[in-house]
Amino acid sequence: MSQTKQILDYLRKGKKITPLDALNRFNCLRLAARISELRTQGHPVKSEGYKTKSGKIVARYYFGS
């Protein structure tokens, strides 16, 4: 199964994903590229800023309506 499909299935379950989550769960180094593919396919993927434990702000993606 492709990374894009795995990420889509994960988001469809109502879960949110950060780049570190994508790396750990799906061995995906380019989450933003996979999200772009999903958006191009018409999936309603939204993003928000997320502050990590170290204080860094990263993108966190989720399914919007």
PDB file of N, CA and C in Angstrom:
ATOM      1  N   MET A   1       0.855  -1.173   0.000  1.00  0.00           N
ATOM      2  CA  MET A   1       0.000   0.000   0.000  1.00  0.00           C
ATOM      3  C   MET A   1       0.903   1.240   0.000  1.00  0.00           C
ATOM      4  N   SER A   2       0.545   2.237  -0.785  1.00  0.00           N
ATOM      5  CA  SER A   2       1.362   3.442  -0.885  1.00  0.00           C
ATOM      6  C   SER A   2       1.255   4.282   0.385  1.00  0.00           C
ATOM      7  N   GLN A   3       2.250   5.142   0.593  1.00  0.00           N
ATOM      8  CA  GLN A   3       2.216   6.036   1.745  1.00  0.00           C
ATOM      9  C   GLN A   3       0.998   6.944   1.690  1.00  0.00           C
ATOM     10  N   THR A   4       0.684   7.433   0.494  1.00  0.00           N
ATOM     11  CA  THR A   4      -0.466   8.333   0.345  1.00  0.00           C
ATOM     12  C   THR A   4      -1.743   7.637   0.781  1.00  0.00           C
ATOM     13  N   LYS A   5      -1.925   6.397   0.382  1.00  0.00           N
ATOM     14  CA  LYS A   5      -3.116   5.625   0.753  1.00  0.00           C
ATOM     15  C   LYS A   5      -3.139   5.364   2.261  1.00  0.00           C
ATOM     16  N   GLN A   6      -1.988   5.038   2.829  1.00  0.00           N
ATOM     17  CA  GLN A   6      -1.912   4.796   4.270  1.00  0.00           C
ATOM     18  C   GLN A   6      -2.276   6.058   5.052  1.00  0.00           C
ATOM     19  N   ILE A   7      -1.764   7.191   4.598  1.00  0.00           N
ATOM     20  CA  ILE A   7      -2.058   8.463   5.270  1.00  0.00           C
ATOM     21  C   ILE A   7      -3.535   8.804   5.117  1.00  0.00           C
ATOM     22  N   LEU A   8      -4.094   8.590   3.943  1.00  0.00           N
ATOM     23  CA  LEU A   8      -5.516   8.833   3.714  1.00  0.00           C
ATOM     24  C   LEU A   8      -6.363   7.990   4.662  1.00  0.00           C
ATOM     25  N   ASP A   9      -6.067   6.722   4.772  1.00  0.00           N
ATOM     26  CA  ASP A   9      -6.808   5.833   5.672  1.00  0.00           C
ATOM     27  C   ASP A   9      -6.697   6.314   7.123  1.00  0.00           C
ATOM     28  N   TYR A  10      -5.522   6.743   7.515  1.00  0.00           N
ATOM     29  CA  TYR A  10      -5.286   7.245   8.869  1.00  0.00           C
ATOM     30  C   TYR A  10      -6.136   8.485   9.143  1.00  0.00           C
ATOM     31  N   LEU A  11      -6.147   9.425   8.200  1.00  0.00           N
ATOM     32  CA  LEU A  11      -6.927  10.653   8.361  1.00  0.00           C
ATOM     33  C   LEU A  11      -8.428  10.375   8.361  1.00  0.00           C
ATOM     34  N   ARG A  12      -8.856   9.429   7.560  1.00  0.00           N
ATOM     35  CA  ARG A  12     -10.283   9.075   7.498  1.00  0.00           C
ATOM     36  C   ARG A  12     -10.801   8.534   8.827  1.00  0.00           C
ATOM     37  N   LYS A  13      -9.912   8.031   9.652  1.00  0.00           N
ATOM     38  CA  LYS A  13     -10.300   7.527  10.976  1.00  0.00           C
ATOM     39  C   LYS A  13     -10.478   8.665  11.978  1.00  0.00           C
ATOM     40  N   GLY A  14     -10.321   9.903  11.510  1.00  0.00           N
ATOM     41  CA  GLY A  14     -10.490  11.048  12.390  1.00  0.00           C
ATOM     42  C   GLY A  14      -9.234  11.427  13.161  1.00  0.00           C
ATOM     43  N   LYS A  15      -8.102  10.873  12.772  1.00  0.00           N
ATOM     44  CA  LYS A  15      -6.847  11.149  13.458  1.00  0.00           C
ATOM     45  C   LYS A  15      -6.126  12.312  12.794  1.00  0.00           C
ATOM     46  N   LYS A  16      -5.252  12.958  13.563  1.00  0.00           N
ATOM     47  CA  LYS A  16      -4.421  14.042  13.061  1.00  0.00           C
ATOM     48  C   LYS A  16      -2.999  13.517  12.921  1.00  0.00           C
ATOM     49  N   ILE A  17      -2.225  14.119  11.990  1.00  0.00           N
ATOM     50  CA  ILE A  17      -0.874  13.624  11.746  1.00  0.00           C
ATOM     51  C   ILE A  17       0.111  14.779  11.566  1.00  0.00           C
ATOM     52  N   THR A  18       1.272  14.622  12.181  1.00  0.00           N
ATOM     53  CA  THR A  18       2.380  15.564  12.038  1.00  0.00           C
ATOM     54  C   THR A  18       3.478  14.883  11.219  1.00  0.00           C
ATOM     55  N   PRO A  19       4.462  15.650  10.755  1.00  0.00           N
ATOM     56  CA  PRO A  19       5.560  15.017  10.026  1.00  0.00           C
ATOM     57  C   PRO A  19       6.271  13.917  10.823  1.00  0.00           C
ATOM     58  N   LEU A  20       6.452  14.112  12.120  1.00  0.00           N
ATOM     59  CA  LEU A  20       7.098  13.080  12.927  1.00  0.00           C
ATOM     60  C   LEU A  20       6.229  11.828  13.029  1.00  0.00           C
ATOM     61  N   ASP A  21       4.908  12.002  13.156  1.00  0.00           N
ATOM     62  CA  ASP A  21       3.995  10.854  13.152  1.00  0.00           C
ATOM     63  C   ASP A  21       4.123  10.080  11.848  1.00  0.00           C
ATOM     64  N   ALA A  22       4.160  10.827  10.733  1.00  0.00           N
ATOM     65  CA  ALA A  22       4.245  10.192   9.410  1.00  0.00           C
ATOM     66  C   ALA A  22       5.542   9.403   9.265  1.00  0.00           C
ATOM     67  N   LEU A  23       6.627   9.956   9.788  1.00  0.00           N
ATOM     68  CA  LEU A  23       7.904   9.253   9.724  1.00  0.00           C
ATOM     69  C   LEU A  23       7.856   7.969  10.550  1.00  0.00           C
ATOM     70  N   ASN A  24       7.355   8.066  11.764  1.00  0.00           N
ATOM     71  CA  ASN A  24       7.316   6.901  12.656  1.00  0.00           C
ATOM     72  C   ASN A  24       6.325   5.833  12.201  1.00  0.00           C
ATOM     73  N   ARG A  25       5.161   6.244  11.710  1.00  0.00           N
ATOM     74  CA  ARG A  25       4.122   5.277  11.353  1.00  0.00           C
ATOM     75  C   ARG A  25       4.260   4.716   9.936  1.00  0.00           C
ATOM     76  N   PHE A  26       4.653   5.585   8.994  1.00  0.00           N
ATOM     77  CA  PHE A  26       4.625   5.184   7.582  1.00  0.00           C
ATOM     78  C   PHE A  26       5.969   5.328   6.876  1.00  0.00           C
ATOM     79  N   ASN A  27       7.024   5.655   7.624  1.00  0.00           N
ATOM     80  CA  ASN A  27       8.348   5.857   7.050  1.00  0.00           C
ATOM     81  C   ASN A  27       8.306   6.922   5.941  1.00  0.00           C
ATOM     82  N   CYS A  28       7.510   7.953   6.158  1.00  0.00           N
ATOM     83  CA  CYS A  28       7.293   9.014   5.176  1.00  0.00           C
ATOM     84  C   CYS A  28       8.091  10.253   5.568  1.00  0.00           C
ATOM     85  N   LEU A  29       9.035  10.640   4.710  1.00  0.00           N
ATOM     86  CA  LEU A  29       9.859  11.809   4.972  1.00  0.00           C
ATOM     87  C   LEU A  29       9.264  13.088   4.393  1.00  0.00           C
ATOM     88  N   ARG A  30       8.294  12.969   3.506  1.00  0.00           N
ATOM     89  CA  ARG A  30       7.744  14.132   2.814  1.00  0.00           C
ATOM     90  C   ARG A  30       6.221  14.197   2.970  1.00  0.00           C
ATOM     91  N   LEU A  31       5.773  14.394   4.196  1.00  0.00           N
ATOM     92  CA  LEU A  31       4.342  14.425   4.473  1.00  0.00           C
ATOM     93  C   LEU A  31       3.638  15.526   3.685  1.00  0.00           C
ATOM     94  N   ALA A  32       4.234  16.703   3.594  1.00  0.00           N
ATOM     95  CA  ALA A  32       3.598  17.811   2.869  1.00  0.00           C
ATOM     96  C   ALA A  32       3.329  17.439   1.417  1.00  0.00           C
ATOM     97  N   ALA A  33       4.222  16.684   0.805  1.00  0.00           N
ATOM     98  CA  ALA A  33       4.024  16.244  -0.581  1.00  0.00           C
ATOM     99  C   ALA A  33       2.859  15.255  -0.675  1.00  0.00           C
ATOM    100  N   ARG A  34       2.774  14.346   0.284  1.00  0.00           N
ATOM    101  CA  ARG A  34       1.659  13.385   0.288  1.00  0.00           C
ATOM    102  C   ARG A  34       0.338  14.120   0.517  1.00  0.00           C
ATOM    103  N   ILE A  35       0.328  15.110   1.390  1.00  0.00           N
ATOM    104  CA  ILE A  35      -0.884  15.896   1.650  1.00  0.00           C
ATOM    105  C   ILE A  35      -1.289  16.653   0.388  1.00  0.00           C
ATOM    106  N   SER A  36      -0.315  17.195  -0.315  1.00  0.00           N
ATOM    107  CA  SER A  36      -0.593  17.893  -1.570  1.00  0.00           C
ATOM    108  C   SER A  36      -1.254  16.953  -2.574  1.00  0.00           C
ATOM    109  N   GLU A  37      -0.776  15.729  -2.660  1.00  0.00           N
ATOM    110  CA  GLU A  37      -1.389  14.731  -3.550  1.00  0.00           C
ATOM    111  C   GLU A  37      -2.842  14.482  -3.163  1.00  0.00           C
ATOM    112  N   LEU A  38      -3.096  14.344  -1.875  1.00  0.00           N
ATOM    113  CA  LEU A  38      -4.458  14.094  -1.408  1.00  0.00           C
ATOM    114  C   LEU A  38      -5.371  15.273  -1.737  1.00  0.00           C
ATOM    115  N   ARG A  39      -4.871  16.483  -1.541  1.00  0.00           N
ATOM    116  CA  ARG A  39      -5.676  17.666  -1.860  1.00  0.00           C
ATOM    117  C   ARG A  39      -5.953  17.751  -3.355  1.00  0.00           C
ATOM    118  N   THR A  40      -4.969  17.420  -4.171  1.00  0.00           N
ATOM    119  CA  THR A  40      -5.152  17.417  -5.630  1.00  0.00           C
ATOM    120  C   THR A  40      -6.218  16.411  -6.048  1.00  0.00           C
ATOM    121  N   GLN A  41      -6.305  15.314  -5.312  1.00  0.00           N
ATOM    122  CA  GLN A  41      -7.319  14.290  -5.579  1.00  0.00           C
ATOM    123  C   GLN A  41      -8.696  14.705  -5.063  1.00  0.00           C
ATOM    124  N   GLY A  42      -8.770  15.842  -4.375  1.00  0.00           N
ATOM    125  CA  GLY A  42     -10.046  16.360  -3.907  1.00  0.00           C
ATOM    126  C   GLY A  42     -10.404  16.055  -2.466  1.00  0.00           C
ATOM    127  N   HIS A  43      -9.471  15.510  -1.702  1.00  0.00           N
ATOM    128  CA  HIS A  43      -9.746  15.196  -0.301  1.00  0.00           C
ATOM    129  C   HIS A  43      -9.648  16.473   0.550  1.00  0.00           C
ATOM    130  N   PRO A  44     -10.567  16.651   1.497  1.00  0.00           N
ATOM    131  CA  PRO A  44     -10.627  17.890   2.292  1.00  0.00           C
ATOM    132  C   PRO A  44      -9.645  17.893   3.472  1.00  0.00           C
ATOM    133  N   VAL A  45      -8.355  17.904   3.169  1.00  0.00           N
ATOM    134  CA  VAL A  45      -7.349  17.882   4.227  1.00  0.00           C
ATOM    135  C   VAL A  45      -7.066  19.316   4.681  1.00  0.00           C
ATOM    136  N   LYS A  46      -7.199  19.539   5.965  1.00  0.00           N
ATOM    137  CA  LYS A  46      -6.945  20.848   6.576  1.00  0.00           C
ATOM    138  C   LYS A  46      -5.639  20.770   7.360  1.00  0.00           C
ATOM    139  N   SER A  47      -5.098  21.943   7.700  1.00  0.00           N
ATOM    140  CA  SER A  47      -3.880  21.962   8.508  1.00  0.00           C
ATOM    141  C   SER A  47      -4.011  23.004   9.605  1.00  0.00           C
ATOM    142  N   GLU A  48      -3.209  22.796  10.643  1.00  0.00           N
ATOM    143  CA  GLU A  48      -3.160  23.723  11.756  1.00  0.00           C
ATOM    144  C   GLU A  48      -1.748  23.713  12.314  1.00  0.00           C
ATOM    145  N   GLY A  49      -1.378  24.759  13.012  1.00  0.00           N
ATOM    146  CA  GLY A  49      -0.092  24.777  13.686  1.00  0.00           C
ATOM    147  C   GLY A  49      -0.168  23.934  14.948  1.00  0.00           C
ATOM    148  N   TYR A  50       0.902  23.241  15.245  1.00  0.00           N
ATOM    149  CA  TYR A  50       0.954  22.377  16.420  1.00  0.00           C
ATOM    150  C   TYR A  50       2.291  22.588  17.121  1.00  0.00           C
ATOM    151  N   LYS A  51       2.251  22.875  18.402  1.00  0.00           N
ATOM    152  CA  LYS A  51       3.463  23.096  19.175  1.00  0.00           C
ATOM    153  C   LYS A  51       3.931  21.780  19.793  1.00  0.00           C
ATOM    154  N   THR A  52       5.138  21.361  19.442  1.00  0.00           N
ATOM    155  CA  THR A  52       5.687  20.112  19.963  1.00  0.00           C
ATOM    156  C   THR A  52       6.165  20.300  21.394  1.00  0.00           C
ATOM    157  N   LYS A  53       6.550  19.216  22.031  1.00  0.00           N
ATOM    158  CA  LYS A  53       7.042  19.275  23.403  1.00  0.00           C
ATOM    159  C   LYS A  53       8.292  20.135  23.524  1.00  0.00           C
ATOM    160  N   SER A  54       9.075  20.182  22.447  1.00  0.00           N
ATOM    161  CA  SER A  54      10.302  20.995  22.470  1.00  0.00           C
ATOM    162  C   SER A  54      10.031  22.464  22.176  1.00  0.00           C
ATOM    163  N   GLY A  55       8.768  22.799  21.850  1.00  0.00           N
ATOM    164  CA  GLY A  55       8.396  24.178  21.587  1.00  0.00           C
ATOM    165  C   GLY A  55       8.379  24.574  20.116  1.00  0.00           C
ATOM    166  N   LYS A  56       8.750  23.649  19.257  1.00  0.00           N
ATOM    167  CA  LYS A  56       8.749  23.925  17.827  1.00  0.00           C
ATOM    168  C   LYS A  56       7.313  23.867  17.280  1.00  0.00           C
ATOM    169  N   ILE A  57       6.998  24.754  16.345  1.00  0.00           N
ATOM    170  CA  ILE A  57       5.687  24.746  15.702  1.00  0.00           C
ATOM    171  C   ILE A  57       5.801  24.003  14.374  1.00  0.00           C
ATOM    172  N   VAL A  58       4.962  22.984  14.193  1.00  0.00           N
ATOM    173  CA  VAL A  58       4.943  22.200  12.953  1.00  0.00           C
ATOM    174  C   VAL A  58       3.493  22.133  12.450  1.00  0.00           C
ATOM    175  N   ALA A  59       3.351  21.710  11.215  1.00  0.00           N
ATOM    176  CA  ALA A  59       2.002  21.527  10.650  1.00  0.00           C
ATOM    177  C   ALA A  59       1.429  20.202  11.147  1.00  0.00           C
ATOM    178  N   ARG A  60       0.151  20.229  11.446  1.00  0.00           N
ATOM    179  CA  ARG A  60      -0.581  19.009  11.798  1.00  0.00           C
ATOM    180  C   ARG A  60      -1.798  18.961  10.873  1.00  0.00           C
ATOM    181  N   TYR A  61      -1.988  17.839  10.225  1.00  0.00           N
ATOM    182  CA  TYR A  61      -3.031  17.684   9.206  1.00  0.00           C
ATOM    183  C   TYR A  61      -4.165  16.824   9.722  1.00  0.00           C
ATOM    184  N   TYR A  62      -5.369  17.136   9.226  1.00  0.00           N
ATOM    185  CA  TYR A  62      -6.564  16.397   9.617  1.00  0.00           C
ATOM    186  C   TYR A  62      -7.610  16.539   8.519  1.00  0.00           C
ATOM    187  N   PHE A  63      -8.626  15.720   8.585  1.00  0.00           N
ATOM    188  CA  PHE A  63      -9.739  15.803   7.629  1.00  0.00           C
ATOM    189  C   PHE A  63     -10.709  16.866   8.072  1.00  0.00           C
ATOM    190  N   GLY A  64     -11.002  17.796   7.189  1.00  0.00           N
ATOM    191  CA  GLY A  64     -11.995  18.824   7.460  1.00  0.00           C
ATOM    192  C   GLY A  64     -13.277  18.505   6.709  1.00  0.00           C
ATOM    193  N   SER A  65     -14.288  19.302   6.932  1.00  0.00           N
ATOM    194  CA  SER A  65     -15.554  19.073   6.225  1.00  0.00           C
ATOM    195  C   SER A  65     -15.894  20.252   5.365  1.00  0.00           C
TER     196      SER A  65
END
